[in-house]
């Protein structure tokens, strides 16, 4: 993974970018864009600079110029780590990618790993793991599971909650730096760097508990995730996950956050259409952003006991 080049490599250009950032902080986005555009005349191949310019234009209401800047990011970003396709899709200028934008999400959380827990818990009041853990514990009624998989495990916040509920716990994440943090905690019996749909598609099956806390918000529409989860789970297995919500129809790619939001009624219907039974749901503020609670839904669904697992189907 190549780290994001936040500096242009030119002191004079970086100083201009700093002035632009100060203007943006003061909410003068039009002036910030003007200064940033001048800086990029001196550093036209600075990908992060074009990303900033697009953001300033977008905040200033200059949609056409913002799109042009984001397209320049897309041209320069050969590794796909800036998520330009997602950004253009969120602005209605391109179709959204199918599934997770892997390189963008991997880079995002590699960059975030060092401050992840402090910001998520202390600054944003992240609340999903204890709620989902309680839901799972109540559904199990004291019965431990043989094998659990924590999708998008990050540093192990969800894993720490469900560890007492399972004999074997595996963690899956795209970010190697997040996995390194989780490894040091000694929570998981196995950790693997993988995209969750790819991981579940190749799994031998028999998973009795799946969790995905604040993960599916990066995966696009829900049905592809549900399909591979159902196949990989043991009959009667539980799948607990969280979603961000919106009240419109369909799956919404949010402009500022570059995360997906779902309609709560549609999400429950999609679970049932995929073959799951909805055990329980809880609508809640899953975290804060700019001191405003993020409307979310925590769901626990069950694979019916009469549906075979992947392992038994292949036998």
C-alpha atoms as a PDB file:
ATOM      1  CA  UNK A   1       0.000   0.000   0.000  1.00  0.00           C
ATOM      2  CA  UNK A   2       1.427   3.406  -0.984  1.00  0.00           C
ATOM      3  CA  UNK A   3       0.790   6.091   1.668  1.00  0.00           C
ATOM      4  CA  UNK A   4      -1.171   9.154   0.609  1.00  0.00           C
ATOM      5  CA  UNK A   5       1.155  11.951  -0.480  1.00  0.00           C
ATOM      6  CA  UNK A   6      -0.211  14.765   1.653  1.00  0.00           C
ATOM      7  CA  UNK A   7       2.735  17.024   0.804  1.00  0.00           C
ATOM      8  CA  UNK A   8       3.365  18.236  -2.715  1.00  0.00           C
ATOM      9  CA  UNK A   9       7.097  17.984  -2.123  1.00  0.00           C
ATOM     10  CA  UNK A  10       7.468  21.710  -2.815  1.00  0.00           C
ATOM     11  CA  UNK A  11       7.632  24.053   0.192  1.00  0.00           C
ATOM     12  CA  UNK A  12       6.137  27.015  -1.678  1.00  0.00           C
ATOM     13  CA  UNK A  13       3.212  24.906  -2.903  1.00  0.00           C
ATOM     14  CA  UNK A  14       2.620  23.487   0.558  1.00  0.00           C
ATOM     15  CA  UNK A  15       2.550  27.013   2.007  1.00  0.00           C
ATOM     16  CA  UNK A  16      -0.121  28.026  -0.483  1.00  0.00           C
ATOM     17  CA  UNK A  17      -2.077  24.882   0.342  1.00  0.00           C
ATOM     18  CA  UNK A  18      -1.828  25.819   4.015  1.00  0.00           C
ATOM     19  CA  UNK A  19      -3.294  29.246   3.276  1.00  0.00           C
ATOM     20  CA  UNK A  20      -6.114  27.573   1.339  1.00  0.00           C
ATOM     21  CA  UNK A  21      -6.783  25.220   4.246  1.00  0.00           C
ATOM     22  CA  UNK A  22      -7.019  28.187   6.629  1.00  0.00           C
ATOM     23  CA  UNK A  23      -9.526  29.851   4.306  1.00  0.00           C
ATOM     24  CA  UNK A  24     -11.564  26.645   4.133  1.00  0.00           C
ATOM     25  CA  UNK A  25     -11.502  26.405   7.925  1.00  0.00           C
ATOM     26  CA  UNK A  26     -12.996  29.914   7.961  1.00  0.00           C
ATOM     27  CA  UNK A  27     -15.715  28.661   5.572  1.00  0.00           C
ATOM     28  CA  UNK A  28     -14.439  30.814   2.683  1.00  0.00           C
ATOM     29  CA  UNK A  29     -14.368  27.926   0.238  1.00  0.00           C
ATOM     30  CA  UNK A  30     -14.382  30.033  -2.925  1.00  0.00           C
ATOM     31  CA  UNK A  31     -11.192  31.796  -1.834  1.00  0.00           C
ATOM     32  CA  UNK A  32      -9.669  28.501  -0.728  1.00  0.00           C
ATOM     33  CA  UNK A  33     -10.344  26.999  -4.153  1.00  0.00           C
ATOM     34  CA  UNK A  34      -8.780  29.998  -5.888  1.00  0.00           C
ATOM     35  CA  UNK A  35      -5.588  29.746  -3.834  1.00  0.00           C
ATOM     36  CA  UNK A  36      -5.452  25.963  -4.231  1.00  0.00           C
ATOM     37  CA  UNK A  37      -5.912  26.210  -7.996  1.00  0.00           C
ATOM     38  CA  UNK A  38      -2.930  28.560  -8.114  1.00  0.00           C
ATOM     39  CA  UNK A  39      -0.853  26.132  -6.070  1.00  0.00           C
ATOM     40  CA  UNK A  40      -1.672  23.296  -8.454  1.00  0.00           C
ATOM     41  CA  UNK A  41      -0.375  25.310 -11.404  1.00  0.00           C
ATOM     42  CA  UNK A  42       3.035  24.766  -9.784  1.00  0.00           C
ATOM     43  CA  UNK A  43       2.398  21.101  -8.865  1.00  0.00           C
ATOM     44  CA  UNK A  44      -0.023  19.691 -11.453  1.00  0.00           C
ATOM     45  CA  UNK A  45       0.713  16.058 -10.552  1.00  0.00           C
ATOM     46  CA  UNK A  46      -0.086  16.402  -6.838  1.00  0.00           C
ATOM     47  CA  UNK A  47      -3.049  14.053  -6.430  1.00  0.00           C
ATOM     48  CA  UNK A  48      -3.957  15.058  -2.874  1.00  0.00           C
ATOM     49  CA  UNK A  49      -3.979  18.693  -3.953  1.00  0.00           C
ATOM     50  CA  UNK A  50      -6.553  18.000  -6.653  1.00  0.00           C
ATOM     51  CA  UNK A  51      -8.653  16.148  -4.075  1.00  0.00           C
ATOM     52  CA  UNK A  52      -8.586  19.213  -1.824  1.00  0.00           C
ATOM     53  CA  UNK A  53      -9.420  21.496  -4.739  1.00  0.00           C
ATOM     54  CA  UNK A  54     -12.428  19.357  -5.626  1.00  0.00           C
ATOM     55  CA  UNK A  55     -13.626  19.472  -2.014  1.00  0.00           C
ATOM     56  CA  UNK A  56     -13.267  23.262  -1.865  1.00  0.00           C
ATOM     57  CA  UNK A  57     -15.175  23.705  -5.133  1.00  0.00           C
ATOM     58  CA  UNK A  58     -17.882  21.312  -3.922  1.00  0.00           C
ATOM     59  CA  UNK A  59     -18.332  23.269  -0.683  1.00  0.00           C
ATOM     60  CA  UNK A  60     -18.396  26.523  -2.676  1.00  0.00           C
ATOM     61  CA  UNK A  61     -21.242  25.207  -4.843  1.00  0.00           C
ATOM     62  CA  UNK A  62     -19.069  24.956  -7.973  1.00  0.00           C
ATOM     63  CA  UNK A  63     -20.258  21.491  -9.002  1.00  0.00           C
ATOM     64  CA  UNK A  64     -18.740  21.510 -12.488  1.00  0.00           C
ATOM     65  CA  UNK A  65     -15.320  22.582 -11.284  1.00  0.00           C
ATOM     66  CA  UNK A  66     -15.470  20.083  -8.436  1.00  0.00           C
ATOM     67  CA  UNK A  67     -16.193  17.278 -10.884  1.00  0.00           C
ATOM     68  CA  UNK A  68     -13.291  18.343 -13.100  1.00  0.00           C
ATOM     69  CA  UNK A  69     -10.933  18.279 -10.113  1.00  0.00           C
ATOM     70  CA  UNK A  70     -12.142  14.844  -9.004  1.00  0.00           C
ATOM     71  CA  UNK A  71     -11.667  13.523 -12.530  1.00  0.00           C
ATOM     72  CA  UNK A  72      -8.085  14.753 -12.378  1.00  0.00           C
ATOM     73  CA  UNK A  73      -7.681  12.796  -9.130  1.00  0.00           C
ATOM     74  CA  UNK A  74      -9.028   9.723 -10.902  1.00  0.00           C
ATOM     75  CA  UNK A  75      -6.500  10.213 -13.727  1.00  0.00           C
ATOM     76  CA  UNK A  76      -3.515  10.660 -11.409  1.00  0.00           C
ATOM     77  CA  UNK A  77      -4.417   8.102  -8.743  1.00  0.00           C
ATOM     78  CA  UNK A  78      -3.224   4.905 -10.405  1.00  0.00           C
ATOM     79  CA  UNK A  79      -3.487   2.960  -7.135  1.00  0.00           C
ATOM     80  CA  UNK A  80      -7.094   4.013  -6.522  1.00  0.00           C
ATOM     81  CA  UNK A  81      -6.423   5.028  -2.919  1.00  0.00           C
ATOM     82  CA  UNK A  82      -8.267   8.360  -2.977  1.00  0.00           C
ATOM     83  CA  UNK A  83     -11.667   6.880  -3.821  1.00  0.00           C
ATOM     84  CA  UNK A  84     -12.259   9.166  -6.801  1.00  0.00           C
ATOM     85  CA  UNK A  85     -14.777   6.750  -8.301  1.00  0.00           C
ATOM     86  CA  UNK A  86     -16.763   6.854  -5.063  1.00  0.00           C
ATOM     87  CA  UNK A  87     -16.565  10.636  -4.942  1.00  0.00           C
ATOM     88  CA  UNK A  88     -17.757  11.032  -8.525  1.00  0.00           C
ATOM     89  CA  UNK A  89     -20.556   8.538  -7.901  1.00  0.00           C
ATOM     90  CA  UNK A  90     -21.637  10.420  -4.778  1.00  0.00           C
ATOM     91  CA  UNK A  91     -21.900  13.558  -6.916  1.00  0.00           C
ATOM     92  CA  UNK A  92     -23.926  11.764  -9.566  1.00  0.00           C
ATOM     93  CA  UNK A  93     -21.109  11.842 -12.107  1.00  0.00           C
ATOM     94  CA  UNK A  94     -20.377   8.099 -12.308  1.00  0.00           C
ATOM     95  CA  UNK A  95     -22.027   4.808 -11.383  1.00  0.00           C
ATOM     96  CA  UNK A  96     -21.073   3.615  -7.902  1.00  0.00           C
ATOM     97  CA  UNK A  97     -18.564   0.761  -7.779  1.00  0.00           C
ATOM     98  CA  UNK A  98     -19.923  -2.725  -7.269  1.00  0.00           C
ATOM     99  CA  UNK A  99     -19.155  -3.746  -3.699  1.00  0.00           C
ATOM    100  CA  UNK A 100     -16.327  -2.346  -1.605  1.00  0.00           C
ATOM    101  CA  UNK A 101     -13.804   0.087  -3.092  1.00  0.00           C
ATOM    102  CA  UNK A 102     -11.007  -2.072  -1.699  1.00  0.00           C
ATOM    103  CA  UNK A 103      -7.945   0.132  -2.191  1.00  0.00           C
ATOM    104  CA  UNK A 104      -9.693   3.231  -0.877  1.00  0.00           C
ATOM    105  CA  UNK A 105     -10.991   1.499   2.267  1.00  0.00           C
ATOM    106  CA  UNK A 106      -7.674  -0.264   2.891  1.00  0.00           C
ATOM    107  CA  UNK A 107      -5.755   3.012   2.663  1.00  0.00           C
ATOM    108  CA  UNK A 108      -8.340   4.922   4.694  1.00  0.00           C
ATOM    109  CA  UNK A 109      -8.021   2.569   7.659  1.00  0.00           C
ATOM    110  CA  UNK A 110      -4.277   2.067   7.358  1.00  0.00           C
ATOM    111  CA  UNK A 111      -3.972   5.847   7.721  1.00  0.00           C
ATOM    112  CA  UNK A 112      -6.534   5.853  10.558  1.00  0.00           C
ATOM    113  CA  UNK A 113      -5.203   2.910  12.581  1.00  0.00           C
ATOM    114  CA  UNK A 114      -2.961   4.849  14.941  1.00  0.00           C
ATOM    115  CA  UNK A 115      -5.754   7.083  16.253  1.00  0.00           C
ATOM    116  CA  UNK A 116      -8.728   4.824  15.507  1.00  0.00           C
ATOM    117  CA  UNK A 117      -9.825   3.796  18.986  1.00  0.00           C
ATOM    118  CA  UNK A 118      -9.249   7.162  20.638  1.00  0.00           C
ATOM    119  CA  UNK A 119     -11.265   9.026  18.002  1.00  0.00           C
ATOM    120  CA  UNK A 120     -13.991   6.426  17.593  1.00  0.00           C
ATOM    121  CA  UNK A 121     -14.623   5.829  21.290  1.00  0.00           C
ATOM    122  CA  UNK A 122     -13.743   9.136  22.943  1.00  0.00           C
ATOM    123  CA  UNK A 123     -14.550  11.674  20.233  1.00  0.00           C
ATOM    124  CA  UNK A 124     -17.352   9.971  18.296  1.00  0.00           C
ATOM    125  CA  UNK A 125     -18.977   7.907  21.052  1.00  0.00           C
ATOM    126  CA  UNK A 126     -19.088   4.695  19.013  1.00  0.00           C
ATOM    127  CA  UNK A 127     -21.846   2.556  20.527  1.00  0.00           C
ATOM    128  CA  UNK A 128     -22.392  -0.519  18.320  1.00  0.00           C
ATOM    129  CA  UNK A 129     -20.286  -3.294  19.966  1.00  0.00           C
ATOM    130  CA  UNK A 130     -22.022  -3.396  23.380  1.00  0.00           C
ATOM    131  CA  UNK A 131     -25.478  -3.213  21.805  1.00  0.00           C
ATOM    132  CA  UNK A 132     -24.759  -5.921  19.236  1.00  0.00           C
ATOM    133  CA  UNK A 133     -22.991  -8.025  21.862  1.00  0.00           C
ATOM    134  CA  UNK A 134     -26.053  -7.885  24.116  1.00  0.00           C
ATOM    135  CA  UNK A 135     -28.333  -8.874  21.250  1.00  0.00           C
ATOM    136  CA  UNK A 136     -26.138 -11.862  20.384  1.00  0.00           C
ATOM    137  CA  UNK A 137     -25.797 -12.954  24.017  1.00  0.00           C
ATOM    138  CA  UNK A 138     -29.561 -12.811  24.541  1.00  0.00           C
ATOM    139  CA  UNK A 139     -30.195 -14.824  21.368  1.00  0.00           C
ATOM    140  CA  UNK A 140     -27.662 -17.487  22.367  1.00  0.00           C
ATOM    141  CA  UNK A 141     -29.118 -17.785  25.865  1.00  0.00           C
ATOM    142  CA  UNK A 142     -25.789 -18.714  27.401  1.00  0.00           C
ATOM    143  CA  UNK A 143     -24.905 -21.274  24.717  1.00  0.00           C
ATOM    144  CA  UNK A 144     -21.408 -20.636  23.288  1.00  0.00           C
ATOM    145  CA  UNK A 145     -20.742 -21.115  19.579  1.00  0.00           C
ATOM    146  CA  UNK A 146     -17.926 -23.218  18.184  1.00  0.00           C
ATOM    147  CA  UNK A 147     -16.819 -20.740  15.509  1.00  0.00           C
ATOM    148  CA  UNK A 148     -17.375 -17.009  15.114  1.00  0.00           C
ATOM    149  CA  UNK A 149     -16.062 -14.605  12.476  1.00  0.00           C
ATOM    150  CA  UNK A 150     -15.785 -10.863  13.045  1.00  0.00           C
ATOM    151  CA  UNK A 151     -15.934  -9.167   9.642  1.00  0.00           C
ATOM    152  CA  UNK A 152     -14.120  -5.842   9.380  1.00  0.00           C
ATOM    153  CA  UNK A 153     -12.682  -6.557  12.798  1.00  0.00           C
ATOM    154  CA  UNK A 154     -10.469  -3.475  12.927  1.00  0.00           C
ATOM    155  CA  UNK A 155      -8.561  -3.258  16.196  1.00  0.00           C
ATOM    156  CA  UNK A 156     -10.866  -5.747  17.915  1.00  0.00           C
ATOM    157  CA  UNK A 157     -13.572  -3.622  19.538  1.00  0.00           C
ATOM    158  CA  UNK A 158     -16.340  -6.025  18.497  1.00  0.00           C
ATOM    159  CA  UNK A 159     -14.156  -9.073  18.984  1.00  0.00           C
ATOM    160  CA  UNK A 160     -13.522  -8.214  22.628  1.00  0.00           C
ATOM    161  CA  UNK A 161     -17.270  -8.216  23.265  1.00  0.00           C
ATOM    162  CA  UNK A 162     -18.055 -11.550  21.601  1.00  0.00           C
ATOM    163  CA  UNK A 163     -14.879 -13.410  22.649  1.00  0.00           C
ATOM    164  CA  UNK A 164     -16.578 -14.939  25.732  1.00  0.00           C
ATOM    165  CA  UNK A 165     -19.405 -16.223  23.517  1.00  0.00           C
ATOM    166  CA  UNK A 166     -17.326 -18.449  21.228  1.00  0.00           C
ATOM    167  CA  UNK A 167     -14.749 -21.216  21.374  1.00  0.00           C
ATOM    168  CA  UNK A 168     -12.956 -19.954  18.253  1.00  0.00           C
ATOM    169  CA  UNK A 169     -12.918 -16.372  16.976  1.00  0.00           C
ATOM    170  CA  UNK A 170     -11.534 -15.248  13.625  1.00  0.00           C
ATOM    171  CA  UNK A 171     -11.089 -11.666  12.443  1.00  0.00           C
ATOM    172  CA  UNK A 172     -11.096 -10.356   8.878  1.00  0.00           C
ATOM    173  CA  UNK A 173     -10.113  -6.856   7.763  1.00  0.00           C
ATOM    174  CA  UNK A 174      -8.718  -5.033   4.749  1.00  0.00           C
ATOM    175  CA  UNK A 175      -6.250  -2.934   6.743  1.00  0.00           C
ATOM    176  CA  UNK A 176      -2.993  -4.590   7.716  1.00  0.00           C
ATOM    177  CA  UNK A 177      -2.282  -1.880  10.279  1.00  0.00           C
ATOM    178  CA  UNK A 178      -5.647  -2.436  11.961  1.00  0.00           C
ATOM    179  CA  UNK A 179      -4.979  -6.172  12.029  1.00  0.00           C
ATOM    180  CA  UNK A 180      -1.604  -5.537  13.669  1.00  0.00           C
ATOM    181  CA  UNK A 181      -3.390  -3.616  16.440  1.00  0.00           C
ATOM    182  CA  UNK A 182      -5.857  -6.484  16.883  1.00  0.00           C
ATOM    183  CA  UNK A 183      -3.066  -9.067  16.925  1.00  0.00           C
ATOM    184  CA  UNK A 184      -1.423  -7.390  19.899  1.00  0.00           C
ATOM    185  CA  UNK A 185      -4.629  -7.737  21.942  1.00  0.00           C
ATOM    186  CA  UNK A 186      -4.649 -11.539  21.664  1.00  0.00           C
ATOM    187  CA  UNK A 187      -8.416 -11.654  21.130  1.00  0.00           C
ATOM    188  CA  UNK A 188      -8.542 -13.670  17.920  1.00  0.00           C
ATOM    189  CA  UNK A 189      -7.498 -17.226  17.158  1.00  0.00           C
ATOM    190  CA  UNK A 190      -6.900 -16.252  13.529  1.00  0.00           C
ATOM    191  CA  UNK A 191      -6.647 -12.980  11.614  1.00  0.00           C
ATOM    192  CA  UNK A 192      -6.808 -12.597   7.842  1.00  0.00           C
ATOM    193  CA  UNK A 193      -6.445  -9.625   5.537  1.00  0.00           C
ATOM    194  CA  UNK A 194      -9.307  -9.884   3.053  1.00  0.00           C
ATOM    195  CA  UNK A 195     -12.392  -8.199   1.672  1.00  0.00           C
ATOM    196  CA  UNK A 196     -15.412  -9.690   3.421  1.00  0.00           C
ATOM    197  CA  UNK A 197     -17.368 -10.904   0.379  1.00  0.00           C
ATOM    198  CA  UNK A 198     -14.235 -12.536  -1.020  1.00  0.00           C
ATOM    199  CA  UNK A 199     -13.505 -14.137   2.352  1.00  0.00           C
ATOM    200  CA  UNK A 200     -17.015 -15.511   2.811  1.00  0.00           C
ATOM    201  CA  UNK A 201     -17.205 -16.724  -0.797  1.00  0.00           C
ATOM    202  CA  UNK A 202     -14.129 -18.878  -0.245  1.00  0.00           C
ATOM    203  CA  UNK A 203     -14.993 -20.083   3.244  1.00  0.00           C
ATOM    204  CA  UNK A 204     -15.716 -23.765   3.787  1.00  0.00           C
ATOM    205  CA  UNK A 205     -18.824 -22.907   5.795  1.00  0.00           C
ATOM    206  CA  UNK A 206     -20.160 -23.782   9.204  1.00  0.00           C
ATOM    207  CA  UNK A 207     -19.830 -20.317  10.775  1.00  0.00           C
ATOM    208  CA  UNK A 208     -22.168 -20.139  13.766  1.00  0.00           C
ATOM    209  CA  UNK A 209     -21.793 -16.407  14.452  1.00  0.00           C
ATOM    210  CA  UNK A 210     -20.947 -13.558  12.095  1.00  0.00           C
ATOM    211  CA  UNK A 211     -20.567  -9.933  13.132  1.00  0.00           C
ATOM    212  CA  UNK A 212     -20.009  -6.840  11.002  1.00  0.00           C
ATOM    213  CA  UNK A 213     -19.996  -3.704  13.155  1.00  0.00           C
ATOM    214  CA  UNK A 214     -19.769  -0.495  11.097  1.00  0.00           C
ATOM    215  CA  UNK A 215     -18.549  -2.456   8.077  1.00  0.00           C
ATOM    216  CA  UNK A 216     -21.373  -2.892   5.575  1.00  0.00           C
ATOM    217  CA  UNK A 217     -21.530   0.907   5.324  1.00  0.00           C
ATOM    218  CA  UNK A 218     -18.527   0.556   2.968  1.00  0.00           C
ATOM    219  CA  UNK A 219     -19.881  -2.376   0.937  1.00  0.00           C
ATOM    220  CA  UNK A 220     -22.647  -0.902  -1.209  1.00  0.00           C
ATOM    221  CA  UNK A 221     -25.935  -2.739  -1.504  1.00  0.00           C
ATOM    222  CA  UNK A 222     -26.880  -5.339   1.086  1.00  0.00           C
ATOM    223  CA  UNK A 223     -27.996  -8.405  -0.974  1.00  0.00           C
ATOM    224  CA  UNK A 224     -24.513  -9.518  -2.172  1.00  0.00           C
ATOM    225  CA  UNK A 225     -23.248  -9.552   1.425  1.00  0.00           C
ATOM    226  CA  UNK A 226     -26.315 -11.415   2.657  1.00  0.00           C
ATOM    227  CA  UNK A 227     -26.003 -14.036  -0.090  1.00  0.00           C
ATOM    228  CA  UNK A 228     -22.428 -15.022   0.742  1.00  0.00           C
ATOM    229  CA  UNK A 229     -23.077 -14.808   4.485  1.00  0.00           C
ATOM    230  CA  UNK A 230     -26.028 -17.193   4.263  1.00  0.00           C
ATOM    231  CA  UNK A 231     -23.979 -19.700   2.289  1.00  0.00           C
ATOM    232  CA  UNK A 232     -21.056 -19.627   4.744  1.00  0.00           C
ATOM    233  CA  UNK A 233     -23.126 -19.952   7.896  1.00  0.00           C
ATOM    234  CA  UNK A 234     -24.164 -23.049   9.770  1.00  0.00           C
ATOM    235  CA  UNK A 235     -27.898 -23.793  10.026  1.00  0.00           C
ATOM    236  CA  UNK A 236     -29.288 -21.724  12.878  1.00  0.00           C
ATOM    237  CA  UNK A 237     -26.283 -19.389  12.783  1.00  0.00           C
ATOM    238  CA  UNK A 238     -26.559 -15.724  13.759  1.00  0.00           C
ATOM    239  CA  UNK A 239     -25.445 -12.689  11.740  1.00  0.00           C
ATOM    240  CA  UNK A 240     -25.293  -9.339  13.536  1.00  0.00           C
ATOM    241  CA  UNK A 241     -24.448  -6.100  11.759  1.00  0.00           C
ATOM    242  CA  UNK A 242     -25.029  -2.361  11.754  1.00  0.00           C
ATOM    243  CA  UNK A 243     -26.170   0.053   9.063  1.00  0.00           C
ATOM    244  CA  UNK A 244     -26.388   3.796   8.649  1.00  0.00           C
ATOM    245  CA  UNK A 245     -29.888   4.918   7.703  1.00  0.00           C
ATOM    246  CA  UNK A 246     -31.741   7.281   5.420  1.00  0.00           C
ATOM    247  CA  UNK A 247     -35.445   7.607   4.824  1.00  0.00           C
ATOM    248  CA  UNK A 248     -35.444   7.525   1.020  1.00  0.00           C
ATOM    249  CA  UNK A 249     -35.566   4.457  -1.170  1.00  0.00           C
ATOM    250  CA  UNK A 250     -32.621   2.336  -2.232  1.00  0.00           C
ATOM    251  CA  UNK A 251     -29.023   2.437  -1.067  1.00  0.00           C
ATOM    252  CA  UNK A 252     -27.599   5.944  -0.749  1.00  0.00           C
ATOM    253  CA  UNK A 253     -23.914   6.751  -1.259  1.00  0.00           C
ATOM    254  CA  UNK A 254     -23.421   9.749   1.016  1.00  0.00           C
ATOM    255  CA  UNK A 255     -21.495  12.648  -0.488  1.00  0.00           C
ATOM    256  CA  UNK A 256     -19.388  13.816   2.419  1.00  0.00           C
ATOM    257  CA  UNK A 257     -18.824  10.517   4.201  1.00  0.00           C
ATOM    258  CA  UNK A 258     -18.424   8.246   1.146  1.00  0.00           C
ATOM    259  CA  UNK A 259     -20.338   5.607   3.076  1.00  0.00           C
ATOM    260  CA  UNK A 260     -23.572   3.849   2.176  1.00  0.00           C
ATOM    261  CA  UNK A 261     -26.854   4.403   4.001  1.00  0.00           C
ATOM    262  CA  UNK A 262     -29.872   2.100   3.825  1.00  0.00           C
ATOM    263  CA  UNK A 263     -33.607   2.405   4.299  1.00  0.00           C
ATOM    264  CA  UNK A 264     -34.494   0.482   7.494  1.00  0.00           C
ATOM    265  CA  UNK A 265     -37.651  -1.194   6.168  1.00  0.00           C
ATOM    266  CA  UNK A 266     -35.924  -2.160   2.916  1.00  0.00           C
ATOM    267  CA  UNK A 267     -32.949  -3.593   4.836  1.00  0.00           C
ATOM    268  CA  UNK A 268     -35.175  -5.882   6.905  1.00  0.00           C
ATOM    269  CA  UNK A 269     -37.037  -6.958   3.756  1.00  0.00           C
ATOM    270  CA  UNK A 270     -33.731  -7.708   1.989  1.00  0.00           C
ATOM    271  CA  UNK A 271     -32.664  -9.919   4.898  1.00  0.00           C
ATOM    272  CA  UNK A 272     -35.866 -11.928   4.623  1.00  0.00           C
ATOM    273  CA  UNK A 273     -35.622 -12.103   0.827  1.00  0.00           C
ATOM    274  CA  UNK A 274     -32.083 -13.507   1.161  1.00  0.00           C
ATOM    275  CA  UNK A 275     -33.400 -16.318   3.369  1.00  0.00           C
ATOM    276  CA  UNK A 276     -32.689 -14.974   6.865  1.00  0.00           C
ATOM    277  CA  UNK A 277     -35.087 -14.694   9.773  1.00  0.00           C
ATOM    278  CA  UNK A 278     -34.948 -11.329  11.554  1.00  0.00           C
ATOM    279  CA  UNK A 279     -34.375 -12.006  15.268  1.00  0.00           C
ATOM    280  CA  UNK A 280     -34.258  -8.428  16.545  1.00  0.00           C
ATOM    281  CA  UNK A 281     -33.376  -4.890  15.497  1.00  0.00           C
ATOM    282  CA  UNK A 282     -32.497  -1.738  17.413  1.00  0.00           C
ATOM    283  CA  UNK A 283     -32.512   1.756  15.971  1.00  0.00           C
ATOM    284  CA  UNK A 284     -29.993   4.027  17.665  1.00  0.00           C
ATOM    285  CA  UNK A 285     -27.369   6.702  17.313  1.00  0.00           C
ATOM    286  CA  UNK A 286     -24.439   4.499  16.371  1.00  0.00           C
ATOM    287  CA  UNK A 287     -21.852   7.293  16.748  1.00  0.00           C
ATOM    288  CA  UNK A 288     -21.631  11.087  16.573  1.00  0.00           C
ATOM    289  CA  UNK A 289     -20.454  13.238  13.685  1.00  0.00           C
ATOM    290  CA  UNK A 290     -19.993  16.961  14.282  1.00  0.00           C
ATOM    291  CA  UNK A 291     -21.744  16.351  17.610  1.00  0.00           C
ATOM    292  CA  UNK A 292     -24.865  15.035  15.863  1.00  0.00           C
ATOM    293  CA  UNK A 293     -25.926  11.379  16.384  1.00  0.00           C
ATOM    294  CA  UNK A 294     -25.686   9.234  13.253  1.00  0.00           C
ATOM    295  CA  UNK A 295     -29.003   7.440  12.750  1.00  0.00           C
ATOM    296  CA  UNK A 296     -28.321   3.730  12.543  1.00  0.00           C
ATOM    297  CA  UNK A 297     -29.811   0.279  12.813  1.00  0.00           C
ATOM    298  CA  UNK A 298     -28.321  -2.787  14.501  1.00  0.00           C
ATOM    299  CA  UNK A 299     -29.785  -6.036  13.169  1.00  0.00           C
ATOM    300  CA  UNK A 300     -29.491  -9.626  14.291  1.00  0.00           C
ATOM    301  CA  UNK A 301     -30.691 -12.223  11.803  1.00  0.00           C
ATOM    302  CA  UNK A 302     -30.653 -16.015  11.825  1.00  0.00           C
ATOM    303  CA  UNK A 303     -30.125 -18.602   9.139  1.00  0.00           C
ATOM    304  CA  UNK A 304     -33.035 -21.067   9.316  1.00  0.00           C
ATOM    305  CA  UNK A 305     -32.148 -24.409  10.850  1.00  0.00           C
ATOM    306  CA  UNK A 306     -33.405 -26.299   7.804  1.00  0.00           C
ATOM    307  CA  UNK A 307     -31.006 -24.579   5.381  1.00  0.00           C
ATOM    308  CA  UNK A 308     -27.729 -26.435   4.749  1.00  0.00           C
ATOM    309  CA  UNK A 309     -24.314 -24.807   5.117  1.00  0.00           C
ATOM    310  CA  UNK A 310     -21.777 -24.558   2.305  1.00  0.00           C
ATOM    311  CA  UNK A 311     -19.856 -27.511   3.718  1.00  0.00           C
ATOM    312  CA  UNK A 312     -22.877 -29.800   3.804  1.00  0.00           C
ATOM    313  CA  UNK A 313     -24.037 -28.650   0.362  1.00  0.00           C
ATOM    314  CA  UNK A 314     -20.672 -29.539  -1.129  1.00  0.00           C
ATOM    315  CA  UNK A 315     -20.607 -32.963   0.494  1.00  0.00           C
END
